[in-house]
Amino acid sequence: MPKAGFVYLVTNKRNGTLYTGVTSTLKQRIYLHKTDKYPGFTYRYQLEMLVYYEYHDDIQDAIEREKLIKKWQNGVETGK
């Protein structure tokens, strides 16, 4: 049976920096963002406000969806 997953978007303020990620444990991941325990880009820009998420039955589907969202954010055509 496949493992479920979430695609999520967090930001630091209205019209601020946006981060797209994937996780199998959304509640735990958002907690890590809010307590500054998630290192790297999200820590540097204080990205802790959850603005959107999607649930997927299979984490591989969530990963594919994240890739599509990131292409859209960068202005790249997906061809679909």
PDB file of N, CA and C in Angstrom:
ATOM      1  N   MET A   1       0.841  -1.179   0.000  1.00  0.00           N
ATOM      2  CA  MET A   1       0.000   0.000   0.000  1.00  0.00           C
ATOM      3  C   MET A   1       0.889   1.247   0.000  1.00  0.00           C
ATOM      4  N   PRO A   2       0.628   2.193  -0.913  1.00  0.00           N
ATOM      5  CA  PRO A   2       1.468   3.384  -0.989  1.00  0.00           C
ATOM      6  C   PRO A   2       1.280   4.306   0.220  1.00  0.00           C
ATOM      7  N   LYS A   3       2.339   5.053   0.510  1.00  0.00           N
ATOM      8  CA  LYS A   3       2.318   6.017   1.594  1.00  0.00           C
ATOM      9  C   LYS A   3       1.682   7.309   1.090  1.00  0.00           C
ATOM     10  N   ALA A   4       0.801   7.910   1.886  1.00  0.00           N
ATOM     11  CA  ALA A   4       0.133   9.158   1.523  1.00  0.00           C
ATOM     12  C   ALA A   4       1.082  10.334   1.691  1.00  0.00           C
ATOM     13  N   GLY A   5       0.724  11.463   1.069  1.00  0.00           N
ATOM     14  CA  GLY A   5       1.558  12.651   1.182  1.00  0.00           C
ATOM     15  C   GLY A   5       0.779  13.933   0.953  1.00  0.00           C
ATOM     16  N   PHE A   6       1.422  15.025   1.269  1.00  0.00           N
ATOM     17  CA  PHE A   6       0.841  16.353   1.113  1.00  0.00           C
ATOM     18  C   PHE A   6       1.786  17.233   0.296  1.00  0.00           C
ATOM     19  N   VAL A   7       1.209  18.064  -0.540  1.00  0.00           N
ATOM     20  CA  VAL A   7       1.921  19.181  -1.158  1.00  0.00           C
ATOM     21  C   VAL A   7       1.458  20.397  -0.386  1.00  0.00           C
ATOM     22  N   TYR A   8       2.380  21.279  -0.015  1.00  0.00           N
ATOM     23  CA  TYR A   8       1.976  22.445   0.770  1.00  0.00           C
ATOM     24  C   TYR A   8       2.743  23.685   0.343  1.00  0.00           C
ATOM     25  N   LEU A   9       2.139  24.846   0.596  1.00  0.00           N
ATOM     26  CA  LEU A   9       2.764  26.127   0.329  1.00  0.00           C
ATOM     27  C   LEU A   9       2.782  26.929   1.619  1.00  0.00           C
ATOM     28  N   VAL A  10       3.945  27.489   1.940  1.00  0.00           N
ATOM     29  CA  VAL A  10       4.077  28.369   3.097  1.00  0.00           C
ATOM     30  C   VAL A  10       4.668  29.696   2.631  1.00  0.00           C
ATOM     31  N   THR A  11       4.395  30.747   3.391  1.00  0.00           N
ATOM     32  CA  THR A  11       4.907  32.076   3.087  1.00  0.00           C
ATOM     33  C   THR A  11       5.282  32.773   4.385  1.00  0.00           C
ATOM     34  N   ASN A  12       5.849  33.964   4.255  1.00  0.00           N
ATOM     35  CA  ASN A  12       6.218  34.734   5.437  1.00  0.00           C
ATOM     36  C   ASN A  12       5.289  35.917   5.664  1.00  0.00           C
ATOM     37  N   LYS A  13       4.602  36.371   4.627  1.00  0.00           N
ATOM     38  CA  LYS A  13       3.660  37.487   4.743  1.00  0.00           C
ATOM     39  C   LYS A  13       2.869  37.588   3.449  1.00  0.00           C
ATOM     40  N   ARG A  14       1.852  38.414   3.450  1.00  0.00           N
ATOM     41  CA  ARG A  14       1.048  38.629   2.246  1.00  0.00           C
ATOM     42  C   ARG A  14       1.956  39.131   1.124  1.00  0.00           C
ATOM     43  N   ASN A  15       1.828  38.519  -0.044  1.00  0.00           N
ATOM     44  CA  ASN A  15       2.654  38.846  -1.216  1.00  0.00           C
ATOM     45  C   ASN A  15       4.147  38.679  -0.940  1.00  0.00           C
ATOM     46  N   GLY A  16       4.481  37.790  -0.022  1.00  0.00           N
ATOM     47  CA  GLY A  16       5.875  37.545   0.324  1.00  0.00           C
ATOM     48  C   GLY A  16       6.450  36.363  -0.430  1.00  0.00           C
ATOM     49  N   THR A  17       7.534  35.849   0.094  1.00  0.00           N
ATOM     50  CA  THR A  17       8.208  34.694  -0.485  1.00  0.00           C
ATOM     51  C   THR A  17       7.338  33.456  -0.316  1.00  0.00           C
ATOM     52  N   LEU A  18       7.279  32.617  -1.333  1.00  0.00           N
ATOM     53  CA  LEU A  18       6.457  31.413  -1.327  1.00  0.00           C
ATOM     54  C   LEU A  18       7.355  30.190  -1.458  1.00  0.00           C
ATOM     55  N   TYR A  19       7.060  29.168  -0.671  1.00  0.00           N
ATOM     56  CA  TYR A  19       7.812  27.908  -0.714  1.00  0.00           C
ATOM     57  C   TYR A  19       6.837  26.762  -0.917  1.00  0.00           C
ATOM     58  N   THR A  20       7.160  25.866  -1.819  1.00  0.00           N
ATOM     59  CA  THR A  20       6.358  24.672  -2.078  1.00  0.00           C
ATOM     60  C   THR A  20       7.133  23.453  -1.603  1.00  0.00           C
ATOM     61  N   GLY A  21       6.475  22.600  -0.820  1.00  0.00           N
ATOM     62  CA  GLY A  21       7.134  21.408  -0.315  1.00  0.00           C
ATOM     63  C   GLY A  21       6.225  20.196  -0.330  1.00  0.00           C
ATOM     64  N   VAL A  22       6.813  19.045  -0.008  1.00  0.00           N
ATOM     65  CA  VAL A  22       6.095  17.772   0.079  1.00  0.00           C
ATOM     66  C   VAL A  22       6.459  17.110   1.395  1.00  0.00           C
ATOM     67  N   THR A  23       5.474  16.498   2.026  1.00  0.00           N
ATOM     68  CA  THR A  23       5.718  15.784   3.273  1.00  0.00           C
ATOM     69  C   THR A  23       4.660  14.706   3.454  1.00  0.00           C
ATOM     70  N   SER A  24       4.979  13.735   4.277  1.00  0.00           N
ATOM     71  CA  SER A  24       3.976  12.720   4.625  1.00  0.00           C
ATOM     72  C   SER A  24       3.305  13.074   5.954  1.00  0.00           C
ATOM     73  N   THR A  25       3.851  14.041   6.667  1.00  0.00           N
ATOM     74  CA  THR A  25       3.317  14.447   7.972  1.00  0.00           C
ATOM     75  C   THR A  25       3.181  15.970   8.006  1.00  0.00           C
ATOM     76  N   LEU A  26       2.078  16.468   7.480  1.00  0.00           N
ATOM     77  CA  LEU A  26       1.881  17.913   7.336  1.00  0.00           C
ATOM     78  C   LEU A  26       1.913  18.648   8.678  1.00  0.00           C
ATOM     79  N   LYS A  27       1.203  18.146   9.656  1.00  0.00           N
ATOM     80  CA  LYS A  27       1.146  18.826  10.955  1.00  0.00           C
ATOM     81  C   LYS A  27       2.551  18.967  11.556  1.00  0.00           C
ATOM     82  N   GLN A  28       3.327  17.908  11.513  1.00  0.00           N
ATOM     83  CA  GLN A  28       4.684  17.939  12.051  1.00  0.00           C
ATOM     84  C   GLN A  28       5.568  18.905  11.255  1.00  0.00           C
ATOM     85  N   ARG A  29       5.459  18.889   9.926  1.00  0.00           N
ATOM     86  CA  ARG A  29       6.289  19.753   9.100  1.00  0.00           C
ATOM     87  C   ARG A  29       5.985  21.232   9.360  1.00  0.00           C
ATOM     88  N   ILE A  30       4.703  21.581   9.486  1.00  0.00           N
ATOM     89  CA  ILE A  30       4.349  22.973   9.754  1.00  0.00           C
ATOM     90  C   ILE A  30       4.855  23.384  11.134  1.00  0.00           C
ATOM     91  N   TYR A  31       4.783  22.483  12.096  1.00  0.00           N
ATOM     92  CA  TYR A  31       5.346  22.759  13.420  1.00  0.00           C
ATOM     93  C   TYR A  31       6.839  23.078  13.314  1.00  0.00           C
ATOM     94  N   LEU A  32       7.558  22.313  12.511  1.00  0.00           N
ATOM     95  CA  LEU A  32       8.982  22.566  12.331  1.00  0.00           C
ATOM     96  C   LEU A  32       9.232  23.933  11.697  1.00  0.00           C
ATOM     97  N   HIS A  33       8.401  24.301  10.728  1.00  0.00           N
ATOM     98  CA  HIS A  33       8.539  25.631  10.123  1.00  0.00           C
ATOM     99  C   HIS A  33       8.284  26.724  11.167  1.00  0.00           C
ATOM    100  N   LYS A  34       7.227  26.574  11.954  1.00  0.00           N
ATOM    101  CA  LYS A  34       6.848  27.608  12.925  1.00  0.00           C
ATOM    102  C   LYS A  34       7.844  27.748  14.072  1.00  0.00           C
ATOM    103  N   THR A  35       8.556  26.692  14.390  1.00  0.00           N
ATOM    104  CA  THR A  35       9.516  26.742  15.500  1.00  0.00           C
ATOM    105  C   THR A  35      10.952  26.906  15.001  1.00  0.00           C
ATOM    106  N   ASP A  36      11.092  27.263  13.731  1.00  0.00           N
ATOM    107  CA  ASP A  36      12.416  27.510  13.125  1.00  0.00           C
ATOM    108  C   ASP A  36      13.359  26.321  13.243  1.00  0.00           C
ATOM    109  N   LYS A  37      12.808  25.117  13.192  1.00  0.00           N
ATOM    110  CA  LYS A  37      13.624  23.912  13.269  1.00  0.00           C
ATOM    111  C   LYS A  37      13.784  23.248  11.918  1.00  0.00           C
ATOM    112  N   TYR A  38      13.305  23.893  10.883  1.00  0.00           N
ATOM    113  CA  TYR A  38      13.445  23.372   9.521  1.00  0.00           C
ATOM    114  C   TYR A  38      14.497  24.231   8.829  1.00  0.00           C
ATOM    115  N   PRO A  39      15.711  23.735   8.689  1.00  0.00           N
ATOM    116  CA  PRO A  39      16.825  24.560   8.213  1.00  0.00           C
ATOM    117  C   PRO A  39      16.742  24.909   6.728  1.00  0.00           C
ATOM    118  N   GLY A  40      17.545  25.866   6.337  1.00  0.00           N
ATOM    119  CA  GLY A  40      17.679  26.204   4.927  1.00  0.00           C
ATOM    120  C   GLY A  40      16.845  27.394   4.514  1.00  0.00           C
ATOM    121  N   PHE A  41      16.313  27.314   3.306  1.00  0.00           N
ATOM    122  CA  PHE A  41      15.575  28.408   2.681  1.00  0.00           C
ATOM    123  C   PHE A  41      14.416  28.893   3.542  1.00  0.00           C
ATOM    124  N   THR A  42      13.629  27.958   4.070  1.00  0.00           N
ATOM    125  CA  THR A  42      12.452  28.363   4.839  1.00  0.00           C
ATOM    126  C   THR A  42      12.830  29.042   6.153  1.00  0.00           C
ATOM    127  N   TYR A  43      13.922  28.621   6.752  1.00  0.00           N
ATOM    128  CA  TYR A  43      14.401  29.265   7.985  1.00  0.00           C
ATOM    129  C   TYR A  43      14.907  30.675   7.676  1.00  0.00           C
ATOM    130  N   ARG A  44      15.685  30.788   6.625  1.00  0.00           N
ATOM    131  CA  ARG A  44      16.281  32.080   6.254  1.00  0.00           C
ATOM    132  C   ARG A  44      15.212  33.135   5.992  1.00  0.00           C
ATOM    133  N   TYR A  45      14.113  32.752   5.347  1.00  0.00           N
ATOM    134  CA  TYR A  45      13.061  33.699   4.995  1.00  0.00           C
ATOM    135  C   TYR A  45      11.860  33.665   5.944  1.00  0.00           C
ATOM    136  N   GLN A  46      11.975  32.916   7.052  1.00  0.00           N
ATOM    137  CA  GLN A  46      10.905  32.838   8.057  1.00  0.00           C
ATOM    138  C   GLN A  46       9.559  32.437   7.437  1.00  0.00           C
ATOM    139  N   LEU A  47       9.588  31.372   6.635  1.00  0.00           N
ATOM    140  CA  LEU A  47       8.387  30.888   5.956  1.00  0.00           C
ATOM    141  C   LEU A  47       7.660  29.923   6.877  1.00  0.00           C
ATOM    142  N   GLU A  48       6.637  30.424   7.536  1.00  0.00           N
ATOM    143  CA  GLU A  48       5.944  29.603   8.527  1.00  0.00           C
ATOM    144  C   GLU A  48       4.417  29.672   8.442  1.00  0.00           C
ATOM    145  N   MET A  49       3.876  30.454   7.519  1.00  0.00           N
ATOM    146  CA  MET A  49       2.431  30.591   7.405  1.00  0.00           C
ATOM    147  C   MET A  49       1.905  29.675   6.301  1.00  0.00           C
ATOM    148  N   LEU A  50       1.172  28.636   6.694  1.00  0.00           N
ATOM    149  CA  LEU A  50       0.588  27.708   5.724  1.00  0.00           C
ATOM    150  C   LEU A  50      -0.533  28.412   4.978  1.00  0.00           C
ATOM    151  N   VAL A  51      -0.447  28.436   3.643  1.00  0.00           N
ATOM    152  CA  VAL A  51      -1.479  29.100   2.850  1.00  0.00           C
ATOM    153  C   VAL A  51      -2.256  28.135   1.966  1.00  0.00           C
ATOM    154  N   TYR A  52      -1.719  26.910   1.766  1.00  0.00           N
ATOM    155  CA  TYR A  52      -2.406  25.956   0.898  1.00  0.00           C
ATOM    156  C   TYR A  52      -1.817  24.571   1.102  1.00  0.00           C
ATOM    157  N   TYR A  53      -2.662  23.545   0.979  1.00  0.00           N
ATOM    158  CA  TYR A  53      -2.153  22.175   0.956  1.00  0.00           C
ATOM    159  C   TYR A  53      -3.110  21.278   0.190  1.00  0.00           C
ATOM    160  N   GLU A  54      -2.570  20.179  -0.317  1.00  0.00           N
ATOM    161  CA  GLU A  54      -3.343  19.155  -1.006  1.00  0.00           C
ATOM    162  C   GLU A  54      -2.951  17.801  -0.430  1.00  0.00           C
ATOM    163  N   TYR A  55      -3.921  16.934  -0.262  1.00  0.00           N
ATOM    164  CA  TYR A  55      -3.675  15.559   0.183  1.00  0.00           C
ATOM    165  C   TYR A  55      -3.651  14.646  -1.033  1.00  0.00           C
ATOM    166  N   HIS A  56      -2.703  13.710  -1.038  1.00  0.00           N
ATOM    167  CA  HIS A  56      -2.617  12.698  -2.103  1.00  0.00           C
ATOM    168  C   HIS A  56      -2.468  11.323  -1.451  1.00  0.00           C
ATOM    169  N   ASP A  57      -3.193  10.330  -1.976  1.00  0.00           N
ATOM    170  CA  ASP A  57      -3.131   8.971  -1.440  1.00  0.00           C
ATOM    171  C   ASP A  57      -1.742   8.350  -1.586  1.00  0.00           C
ATOM    172  N   ASP A  58      -1.012   8.786  -2.595  1.00  0.00           N
ATOM    173  CA  ASP A  58       0.329   8.250  -2.875  1.00  0.00           C
ATOM    174  C   ASP A  58       1.326   9.407  -2.884  1.00  0.00           C
ATOM    175  N   ILE A  59       2.370   9.310  -2.086  1.00  0.00           N
ATOM    176  CA  ILE A  59       3.350  10.392  -1.987  1.00  0.00           C
ATOM    177  C   ILE A  59       4.019  10.675  -3.324  1.00  0.00           C
ATOM    178  N   GLN A  60       4.120   9.664  -4.200  1.00  0.00           N
ATOM    179  CA  GLN A  60       4.688   9.905  -5.527  1.00  0.00           C
ATOM    180  C   GLN A  60       3.825  10.871  -6.329  1.00  0.00           C
ATOM    181  N   ASP A  61       2.501  10.772  -6.157  1.00  0.00           N
ATOM    182  CA  ASP A  61       1.597  11.721  -6.804  1.00  0.00           C
ATOM    183  C   ASP A  61       1.811  13.129  -6.231  1.00  0.00           C
ATOM    184  N   ALA A  62       2.040  13.219  -4.943  1.00  0.00           N
ATOM    185  CA  ALA A  62       2.304  14.511  -4.307  1.00  0.00           C
ATOM    186  C   ALA A  62       3.592  15.116  -4.853  1.00  0.00           C
ATOM    187  N   ILE A  63       4.600  14.297  -5.037  1.00  0.00           N
ATOM    188  CA  ILE A  63       5.880  14.772  -5.572  1.00  0.00           C
ATOM    189  C   ILE A  63       5.701  15.285  -6.998  1.00  0.00           C
ATOM    190  N   GLU A  64       4.947  14.565  -7.808  1.00  0.00           N
ATOM    191  CA  GLU A  64       4.686  15.013  -9.183  1.00  0.00           C
ATOM    192  C   GLU A  64       3.927  16.335  -9.189  1.00  0.00           C
ATOM    193  N   ARG A  65       2.958  16.454  -8.297  1.00  0.00           N
ATOM    194  CA  ARG A  65       2.179  17.707  -8.213  1.00  0.00           C
ATOM    195  C   ARG A  65       3.080  18.863  -7.776  1.00  0.00           C
ATOM    196  N   GLU A  66       3.984  18.616  -6.836  1.00  0.00           N
ATOM    197  CA  GLU A  66       4.931  19.655  -6.399  1.00  0.00           C
ATOM    198  C   GLU A  66       5.771  20.129  -7.579  1.00  0.00           C
ATOM    199  N   LYS A  67       6.236  19.203  -8.396  1.00  0.00           N
ATOM    200  CA  LYS A  67       7.041  19.564  -9.565  1.00  0.00           C
ATOM    201  C   LYS A  67       6.248  20.444 -10.528  1.00  0.00           C
ATOM    202  N   LEU A  68       4.969  20.112 -10.748  1.00  0.00           N
ATOM    203  CA  LEU A  68       4.128  20.927 -11.625  1.00  0.00           C
ATOM    204  C   LEU A  68       3.936  22.325 -11.050  1.00  0.00           C
ATOM    205  N   ILE A  69       3.705  22.418  -9.759  1.00  0.00           N
ATOM    206  CA  ILE A  69       3.524  23.723  -9.112  1.00  0.00           C
ATOM    207  C   ILE A  69       4.800  24.547  -9.230  1.00  0.00           C
ATOM    208  N   LYS A  70       5.933  23.927  -9.008  1.00  0.00           N
ATOM    209  CA  LYS A  70       7.202  24.661  -9.094  1.00  0.00           C
ATOM    210  C   LYS A  70       7.462  25.145 -10.511  1.00  0.00           C
ATOM    211  N   LYS A  71       7.104  24.362 -11.513  1.00  0.00           N
ATOM    212  CA  LYS A  71       7.238  24.822 -12.899  1.00  0.00           C
ATOM    213  C   LYS A  71       6.333  26.020 -13.141  1.00  0.00           C
ATOM    214  N   TRP A  72       5.120  25.962 -12.613  1.00  0.00           N
ATOM    215  CA  TRP A  72       4.171  27.069 -12.770  1.00  0.00           C
ATOM    216  C   TRP A  72       4.702  28.322 -12.075  1.00  0.00           C
ATOM    217  N   GLN A  73       5.260  28.174 -10.880  1.00  0.00           N
ATOM    218  CA  GLN A  73       5.800  29.315 -10.145  1.00  0.00           C
ATOM    219  C   GLN A  73       6.943  29.977 -10.902  1.00  0.00           C
ATOM    220  N   ASN A  74       7.706  29.171 -11.625  1.00  0.00           N
ATOM    221  CA  ASN A  74       8.856  29.699 -12.360  1.00  0.00           C
ATOM    222  C   ASN A  74       8.481  30.154 -13.771  1.00  0.00           C
ATOM    223  N   GLY A  75       7.191  30.062 -14.116  1.00  0.00           N
ATOM    224  CA  GLY A  75       6.742  30.507 -15.430  1.00  0.00           C
ATOM    225  C   GLY A  75       7.064  29.562 -16.556  1.00  0.00           C
ATOM    226  N   VAL A  76       7.280  28.296 -16.238  1.00  0.00           N
ATOM    227  CA  VAL A  76       7.621  27.293 -17.250  1.00  0.00           C
ATOM    228  C   VAL A  76       6.340  26.585 -17.677  1.00  0.00           C
ATOM    229  N   GLU A  77       6.146  26.448 -18.986  1.00  0.00           N
ATOM    230  CA  GLU A  77       4.985  25.710 -19.495  1.00  0.00           C
ATOM    231  C   GLU A  77       5.117  24.249 -19.167  1.00  0.00           C
ATOM    232  N   THR A  78       4.017  23.636 -18.756  1.00  0.00           N
ATOM    233  CA  THR A  78       4.051  22.214 -18.419  1.00  0.00           C
ATOM    234  C   THR A  78       3.743  21.329 -19.617  1.00  0.00           C
ATOM    235  N   GLY A  79       3.135  21.898 -20.641  1.00  0.00           N
ATOM    236  CA  GLY A  79       2.801  21.106 -21.833  1.00  0.00           C
ATOM    237  C   GLY A  79       1.576  20.250 -21.649  1.00  0.00           C
ATOM    238  N   LYS A  80       0.843  20.453 -20.546  1.00  0.00           N
ATOM    239  CA  LYS A  80      -0.364  19.657 -20.302  1.00  0.00           C
ATOM    240  C   LYS A  80      -1.585  20.524 -20.367  1.00  0.00           C
TER     241      LYS A  80
END
